[in-house]
Amino acid sequence: MSGIICYENVDICYNGSPVIKKVSFSAEKGEILGIAGESGSGKSTLIKAAIGLLGKNGSVTGGKIWYEEKNLLDLNEKELRKICGSEIGMIFQNAGSSFCPIRTVGDQLLEEMKEHRKIKKAEFEDEAVEMLAKFGFQDPKRILKSYPFELSGGMQQRVGVAAAMLLKPKILLADEPTSALDVSIQKQVVEQMKMIREQYGTTILIVTHNIGVIRAMADSMLVLKDGKMEEYGKTQEVLSHPQSDYTKRLLAAIPVLRR
């Protein structure tokens, strides 16, 4: 199994109880991989393990997570911190909760960039304005001067995606980035993430329970149930010819409009 990121027989436990069991998959440069399943299936846990976000009670108890021939699980905190953000970015389900409410968006994005590179404020503002404009903001300078609570939920989410891309990471981990948004904003976020892949060749792992999102953007998909792999393959093939009964039930649960 090869790819820019590769999970090899990964086991994950919380408080000693297994939640991910022998999961293996890989994603190539520029590939979008969708990870689907019901709530509690282990989707978010799977991607958080790559950058050490399992918390005190979680641990990877078996397997390896390869990134460009480095096992991320062997890296110490300092080594992993250097990679996180600059090479592997993360978008959280509710981007607004990851922002400090009493500091402007610009101050927080500048601090993030300074963690990984030396940059002057004027240079940062030029790059941030350019990136925000790519995500459809007509007045990016005002966004930088705004506090998070002055932005709508959809705007916060788009800023969160733009923030993750400021350092132009090779891999973007997206944890339910559209679940809290209405349908029109969901479409915008999906289109923007596809634009990221086209412009920067970014590999994207997107966790979602929304099969429609996976159908719209993912090249490949992985279906999880109770921490185990139920299905893995090219998206159109899995959706057209599901082999697992669980996948068939997921697809049957998608609402269909009838006359």
Protein backbone atom coordinates (compact mmCIF):
# COMPACT_ATOMS: atom_id res chain seq x y z
CA MET A 1 0.00 0.00 0.00
CA SER A 2 1.42 3.37 -1.04
CA GLY A 3 0.37 7.02 -1.00
CA ILE A 4 1.23 10.35 0.60
CA ILE A 5 -0.64 9.13 3.70
CA CYS A 6 -1.20 5.49 4.56
CA TYR A 7 -2.92 3.76 7.50
CA GLU A 8 -1.63 0.24 8.09
CA ASN A 9 -3.68 -2.09 10.35
CA VAL A 10 -4.43 0.73 12.80
CA ASP A 11 -6.01 -0.07 16.19
CA ILE A 12 -7.20 2.72 18.51
CA CYS A 13 -8.52 2.49 22.07
CA TYR A 14 -10.22 4.85 24.50
CA ASN A 15 -9.73 3.97 28.16
CA GLY A 16 -8.56 0.53 27.06
CA SER A 17 -11.67 -0.19 24.98
CA PRO A 18 -11.09 -0.69 21.23
CA VAL A 19 -12.85 1.80 18.96
CA ILE A 20 -10.86 1.30 15.71
CA LYS A 21 -9.90 -2.21 14.63
CA LYS A 22 -7.36 -3.09 11.92
CA VAL A 23 -8.14 -0.22 9.56
CA SER A 24 -5.97 0.15 6.45
CA PHE A 25 -6.23 2.63 3.59
CA SER A 26 -4.13 5.12 1.66
CA ALA A 27 -4.55 8.35 -0.30
CA GLU A 28 -2.41 9.60 -3.16
CA LYS A 29 -1.27 13.18 -3.75
CA GLY A 30 -4.28 15.22 -4.85
CA GLU A 31 -6.81 12.51 -3.96
CA ILE A 32 -10.00 13.20 -2.00
CA LEU A 33 -10.97 10.31 0.27
CA GLY A 34 -14.37 10.33 1.98
CA ILE A 35 -14.83 8.46 5.28
CA ALA A 36 -18.48 7.63 5.96
CA GLY A 37 -20.46 5.93 8.70
CA GLU A 38 -22.97 6.50 11.46
CA SER A 39 -22.23 8.58 14.56
CA GLY A 40 -19.91 6.63 16.85
CA SER A 41 -18.40 4.57 14.05
CA GLY A 42 -14.92 6.02 14.66
CA LYS A 43 -14.62 8.36 11.67
CA SER A 44 -13.29 11.42 13.51
CA THR A 45 -11.09 9.31 15.77
CA LEU A 46 -9.42 7.88 12.70
CA ILE A 47 -8.18 11.19 11.30
CA LYS A 48 -7.41 12.77 14.68
CA ALA A 49 -4.99 9.92 15.41
CA ALA A 50 -2.71 11.13 12.61
CA ILE A 51 -1.92 14.41 14.39
CA GLY A 52 -2.08 13.34 18.02
CA LEU A 53 -5.53 14.73 18.88
CA LEU A 54 -6.97 11.68 20.66
CA GLY A 55 -6.70 13.29 24.09
CA LYS A 56 -5.44 11.73 27.30
CA ASN A 57 -7.83 8.78 27.18
CA GLY A 58 -7.12 7.77 23.57
CA SER A 59 -4.15 5.92 22.13
CA VAL A 60 -3.10 4.08 19.00
CA THR A 61 -2.44 0.54 20.19
CA GLY A 62 -1.45 -1.07 16.93
CA GLY A 63 -0.44 -0.42 13.34
CA LYS A 64 1.28 2.52 11.65
CA ILE A 65 0.29 5.81 10.05
CA TRP A 66 2.74 6.70 7.30
CA TYR A 67 3.24 10.20 5.94
CA GLU A 68 5.90 10.50 3.23
CA GLU A 69 7.72 7.42 4.57
CA LYS A 70 7.63 8.67 8.18
CA ASN A 71 5.55 6.85 10.77
CA LEU A 72 3.67 9.69 12.49
CA LEU A 73 3.22 7.53 15.57
CA ASP A 74 7.01 7.44 16.11
CA LEU A 75 7.40 11.22 16.17
CA ASN A 76 7.80 13.08 19.44
CA GLU A 77 5.60 16.07 20.31
CA LYS A 78 8.05 18.63 18.93
CA GLU A 79 8.47 16.77 15.63
CA LEU A 80 4.71 16.30 15.23
CA ARG A 81 4.01 19.95 16.06
CA LYS A 82 6.34 21.00 13.26
CA ILE A 83 4.32 18.97 10.74
CA CYS A 84 0.84 19.90 12.02
CA GLY A 85 -0.47 22.98 10.25
CA SER A 86 2.41 23.41 7.83
CA GLU A 87 2.19 19.96 6.18
CA ILE A 88 -1.00 18.44 7.59
CA GLY A 89 -3.86 20.88 8.14
CA MET A 90 -7.12 20.32 10.02
CA ILE A 91 -10.65 21.67 9.60
CA PHE A 92 -12.94 21.07 12.56
CA GLN A 93 -16.70 20.49 12.52
CA ASN A 94 -17.40 23.86 14.09
CA ALA A 95 -14.67 26.25 13.02
CA GLY A 96 -16.12 29.00 15.20
CA SER A 97 -15.32 27.08 18.37
CA SER A 98 -11.63 26.93 17.42
CA PHE A 99 -11.34 30.73 17.32
CA CYS A 100 -10.79 32.88 20.42
CA PRO A 101 -13.84 35.19 20.69
CA ILE A 102 -11.94 38.20 22.07
CA ARG A 103 -9.22 38.40 19.40
CA THR A 104 -9.63 39.41 15.79
CA VAL A 105 -9.51 36.81 13.04
CA GLY A 106 -6.38 38.45 11.61
CA ASP A 107 -4.45 38.33 14.89
CA GLN A 108 -5.23 34.63 15.28
CA LEU A 109 -4.26 33.72 11.71
CA LEU A 110 -1.02 35.71 12.02
CA GLU A 111 -0.13 33.85 15.23
CA GLU A 112 -0.78 30.54 13.48
CA MET A 113 1.52 31.42 10.60
CA LYS A 114 4.30 32.66 12.90
CA GLU A 115 4.37 29.22 14.55
CA HIS A 116 5.76 27.79 11.32
CA ARG A 117 7.54 30.56 9.42
CA LYS A 118 9.04 34.01 9.83
CA ILE A 119 6.67 36.50 8.29
CA LYS A 120 6.08 40.25 8.55
CA LYS A 121 2.58 41.54 9.22
CA ALA A 122 2.28 43.27 5.84
CA GLU A 123 3.32 40.09 4.01
CA PHE A 124 0.86 38.07 6.09
CA GLU A 125 -1.99 40.46 5.29
CA ASP A 126 -1.30 40.20 1.56
CA GLU A 127 -1.35 36.39 1.69
CA ALA A 128 -4.40 36.24 3.98
CA VAL A 129 -6.39 38.68 1.81
CA GLU A 130 -5.55 36.63 -1.29
CA MET A 131 -6.59 33.35 0.37
CA LEU A 132 -9.84 34.74 1.78
CA ALA A 133 -10.69 36.13 -1.65
CA LYS A 134 -10.31 32.62 -3.09
CA PHE A 135 -13.01 31.51 -0.66
CA GLY A 136 -15.51 34.02 -1.94
CA PHE A 137 -15.08 36.88 0.53
CA GLN A 138 -15.69 40.21 -1.19
CA ASP A 139 -14.14 42.22 1.66
CA PRO A 140 -11.29 40.09 3.08
CA LYS A 141 -9.66 43.03 4.88
CA ARG A 142 -12.82 43.54 6.92
CA ILE A 143 -12.88 39.83 7.76
CA LEU A 144 -9.34 40.05 9.16
CA LYS A 145 -10.36 42.95 11.39
CA SER A 146 -13.53 41.20 12.57
CA TYR A 147 -14.06 39.18 15.74
CA PRO A 148 -15.37 35.62 15.21
CA PHE A 149 -18.77 36.42 16.75
CA GLU A 150 -19.28 39.10 14.09
CA LEU A 151 -19.31 36.40 11.39
CA SER A 152 -22.13 34.00 10.56
CA GLY A 153 -21.64 30.25 11.02
CA GLY A 154 -21.11 29.76 7.30
CA MET A 155 -18.55 32.57 7.18
CA GLN A 156 -16.71 31.15 10.19
CA GLN A 157 -16.51 27.77 8.47
CA ARG A 158 -15.15 29.28 5.26
CA VAL A 159 -12.58 31.26 7.28
CA GLY A 160 -11.64 28.00 9.02
CA VAL A 161 -10.96 26.31 5.67
CA ALA A 162 -9.00 29.34 4.45
CA ALA A 163 -6.98 29.40 7.69
CA ALA A 164 -6.06 25.74 7.27
CA MET A 165 -4.84 26.46 3.74
CA LEU A 166 -2.74 29.56 4.54
CA LEU A 167 0.34 27.40 5.10
CA LYS A 168 -0.53 25.35 1.99
CA PRO A 169 -0.37 21.91 3.68
CA LYS A 170 0.04 18.81 1.56
CA ILE A 171 -2.79 17.05 3.41
CA LEU A 172 -6.05 18.49 4.71
CA LEU A 173 -8.03 16.57 7.35
CA ALA A 174 -11.67 17.70 7.40
CA ASP A 175 -13.88 16.57 10.29
CA GLU A 176 -17.56 16.97 9.33
CA PRO A 177 -16.89 20.41 7.80
CA THR A 178 -20.42 20.76 6.37
CA SER A 179 -22.67 19.14 8.98
CA ALA A 180 -23.61 22.36 10.79
CA LEU A 181 -24.35 24.31 7.60
CA ASP A 182 -27.44 24.77 5.49
CA VAL A 183 -27.55 23.21 2.03
CA SER A 184 -26.47 26.28 0.07
CA ILE A 185 -23.43 26.89 2.31
CA GLN A 186 -22.60 23.16 2.24
CA LYS A 187 -22.36 23.41 -1.54
CA GLN A 188 -20.03 26.43 -1.27
CA VAL A 189 -17.69 24.63 1.14
CA VAL A 190 -17.63 21.51 -1.06
CA GLU A 191 -16.80 23.58 -4.14
CA GLN A 192 -14.08 25.48 -2.25
CA MET A 193 -12.45 22.26 -1.07
CA LYS A 194 -12.48 20.92 -4.62
CA MET A 195 -10.87 24.20 -5.69
CA ILE A 196 -8.15 23.65 -3.07
CA ARG A 197 -7.34 20.28 -4.58
CA GLU A 198 -7.23 21.66 -8.12
CA GLN A 199 -5.04 24.68 -7.29
CA TYR A 200 -2.65 23.18 -4.75
CA GLY A 201 -2.74 19.41 -5.38
CA THR A 202 -3.85 18.94 -1.77
CA THR A 203 -4.80 15.49 -0.52
CA ILE A 204 -8.06 15.69 1.44
CA LEU A 205 -9.48 13.20 3.95
CA ILE A 206 -13.06 14.25 4.67
CA VAL A 207 -15.14 12.69 7.44
CA THR A 208 -18.88 12.95 6.93
CA HIS A 209 -22.15 11.12 7.47
CA ASN A 210 -23.50 12.84 4.35
CA ILE A 211 -23.20 10.45 1.41
CA GLY A 212 -24.20 13.30 -0.90
CA VAL A 213 -21.05 15.23 0.03
CA ILE A 214 -18.90 12.16 -0.68
CA ARG A 215 -20.68 11.58 -3.99
CA ALA A 216 -20.04 15.21 -4.99
CA MET A 217 -16.33 15.44 -4.18
CA ALA A 218 -14.57 12.20 -3.20
CA ASP A 219 -12.48 10.05 -5.56
CA SER A 220 -12.47 7.16 -3.09
CA MET A 221 -14.47 6.28 -0.01
CA LEU A 222 -14.16 4.21 3.15
CA VAL A 223 -17.20 3.01 5.09
CA LEU A 224 -16.81 2.38 8.83
CA LYS A 225 -19.11 0.53 11.22
CA ASP A 226 -18.23 0.10 14.89
CA GLY A 227 -14.61 0.91 14.11
CA LYS A 228 -14.28 -1.74 11.39
CA MET A 229 -13.93 -1.34 7.64
CA GLU A 230 -17.10 -2.30 5.81
CA GLU A 231 -16.21 -1.04 2.36
CA TYR A 232 -13.29 0.66 0.63
CA GLY A 233 -12.81 1.59 -3.01
CA LYS A 234 -13.51 4.10 -5.75
CA THR A 235 -16.53 6.22 -4.84
CA GLN A 236 -18.64 5.53 -7.90
CA GLU A 237 -17.96 1.81 -7.70
CA VAL A 238 -18.87 1.61 -4.01
CA LEU A 239 -22.03 3.67 -4.48
CA SER A 240 -23.11 1.81 -7.61
CA HIS A 241 -22.25 -1.71 -6.44
CA PRO A 242 -22.04 -1.81 -2.62
CA GLN A 243 -20.87 -5.18 -1.30
CA SER A 244 -21.62 -4.71 2.40
CA ASP A 245 -25.17 -4.94 3.78
CA TYR A 246 -24.34 -1.99 6.04
CA THR A 247 -23.37 0.18 3.05
CA LYS A 248 -26.58 -0.84 1.28
CA ARG A 249 -28.58 0.27 4.34
CA LEU A 250 -26.71 3.61 4.45
CA LEU A 251 -27.53 4.25 0.80
CA ALA A 252 -31.15 3.16 1.26
CA ALA A 253 -31.51 5.74 4.07
CA ILE A 254 -30.76 8.69 1.74
CA PRO A 255 -34.00 10.66 1.23
CA VAL A 256 -35.42 10.56 -2.31
CA LEU A 257 -37.78 13.19 -3.71
CA ARG A 258 -40.85 11.67 -5.35
CA ARG A 259 -43.63 13.30 -7.36
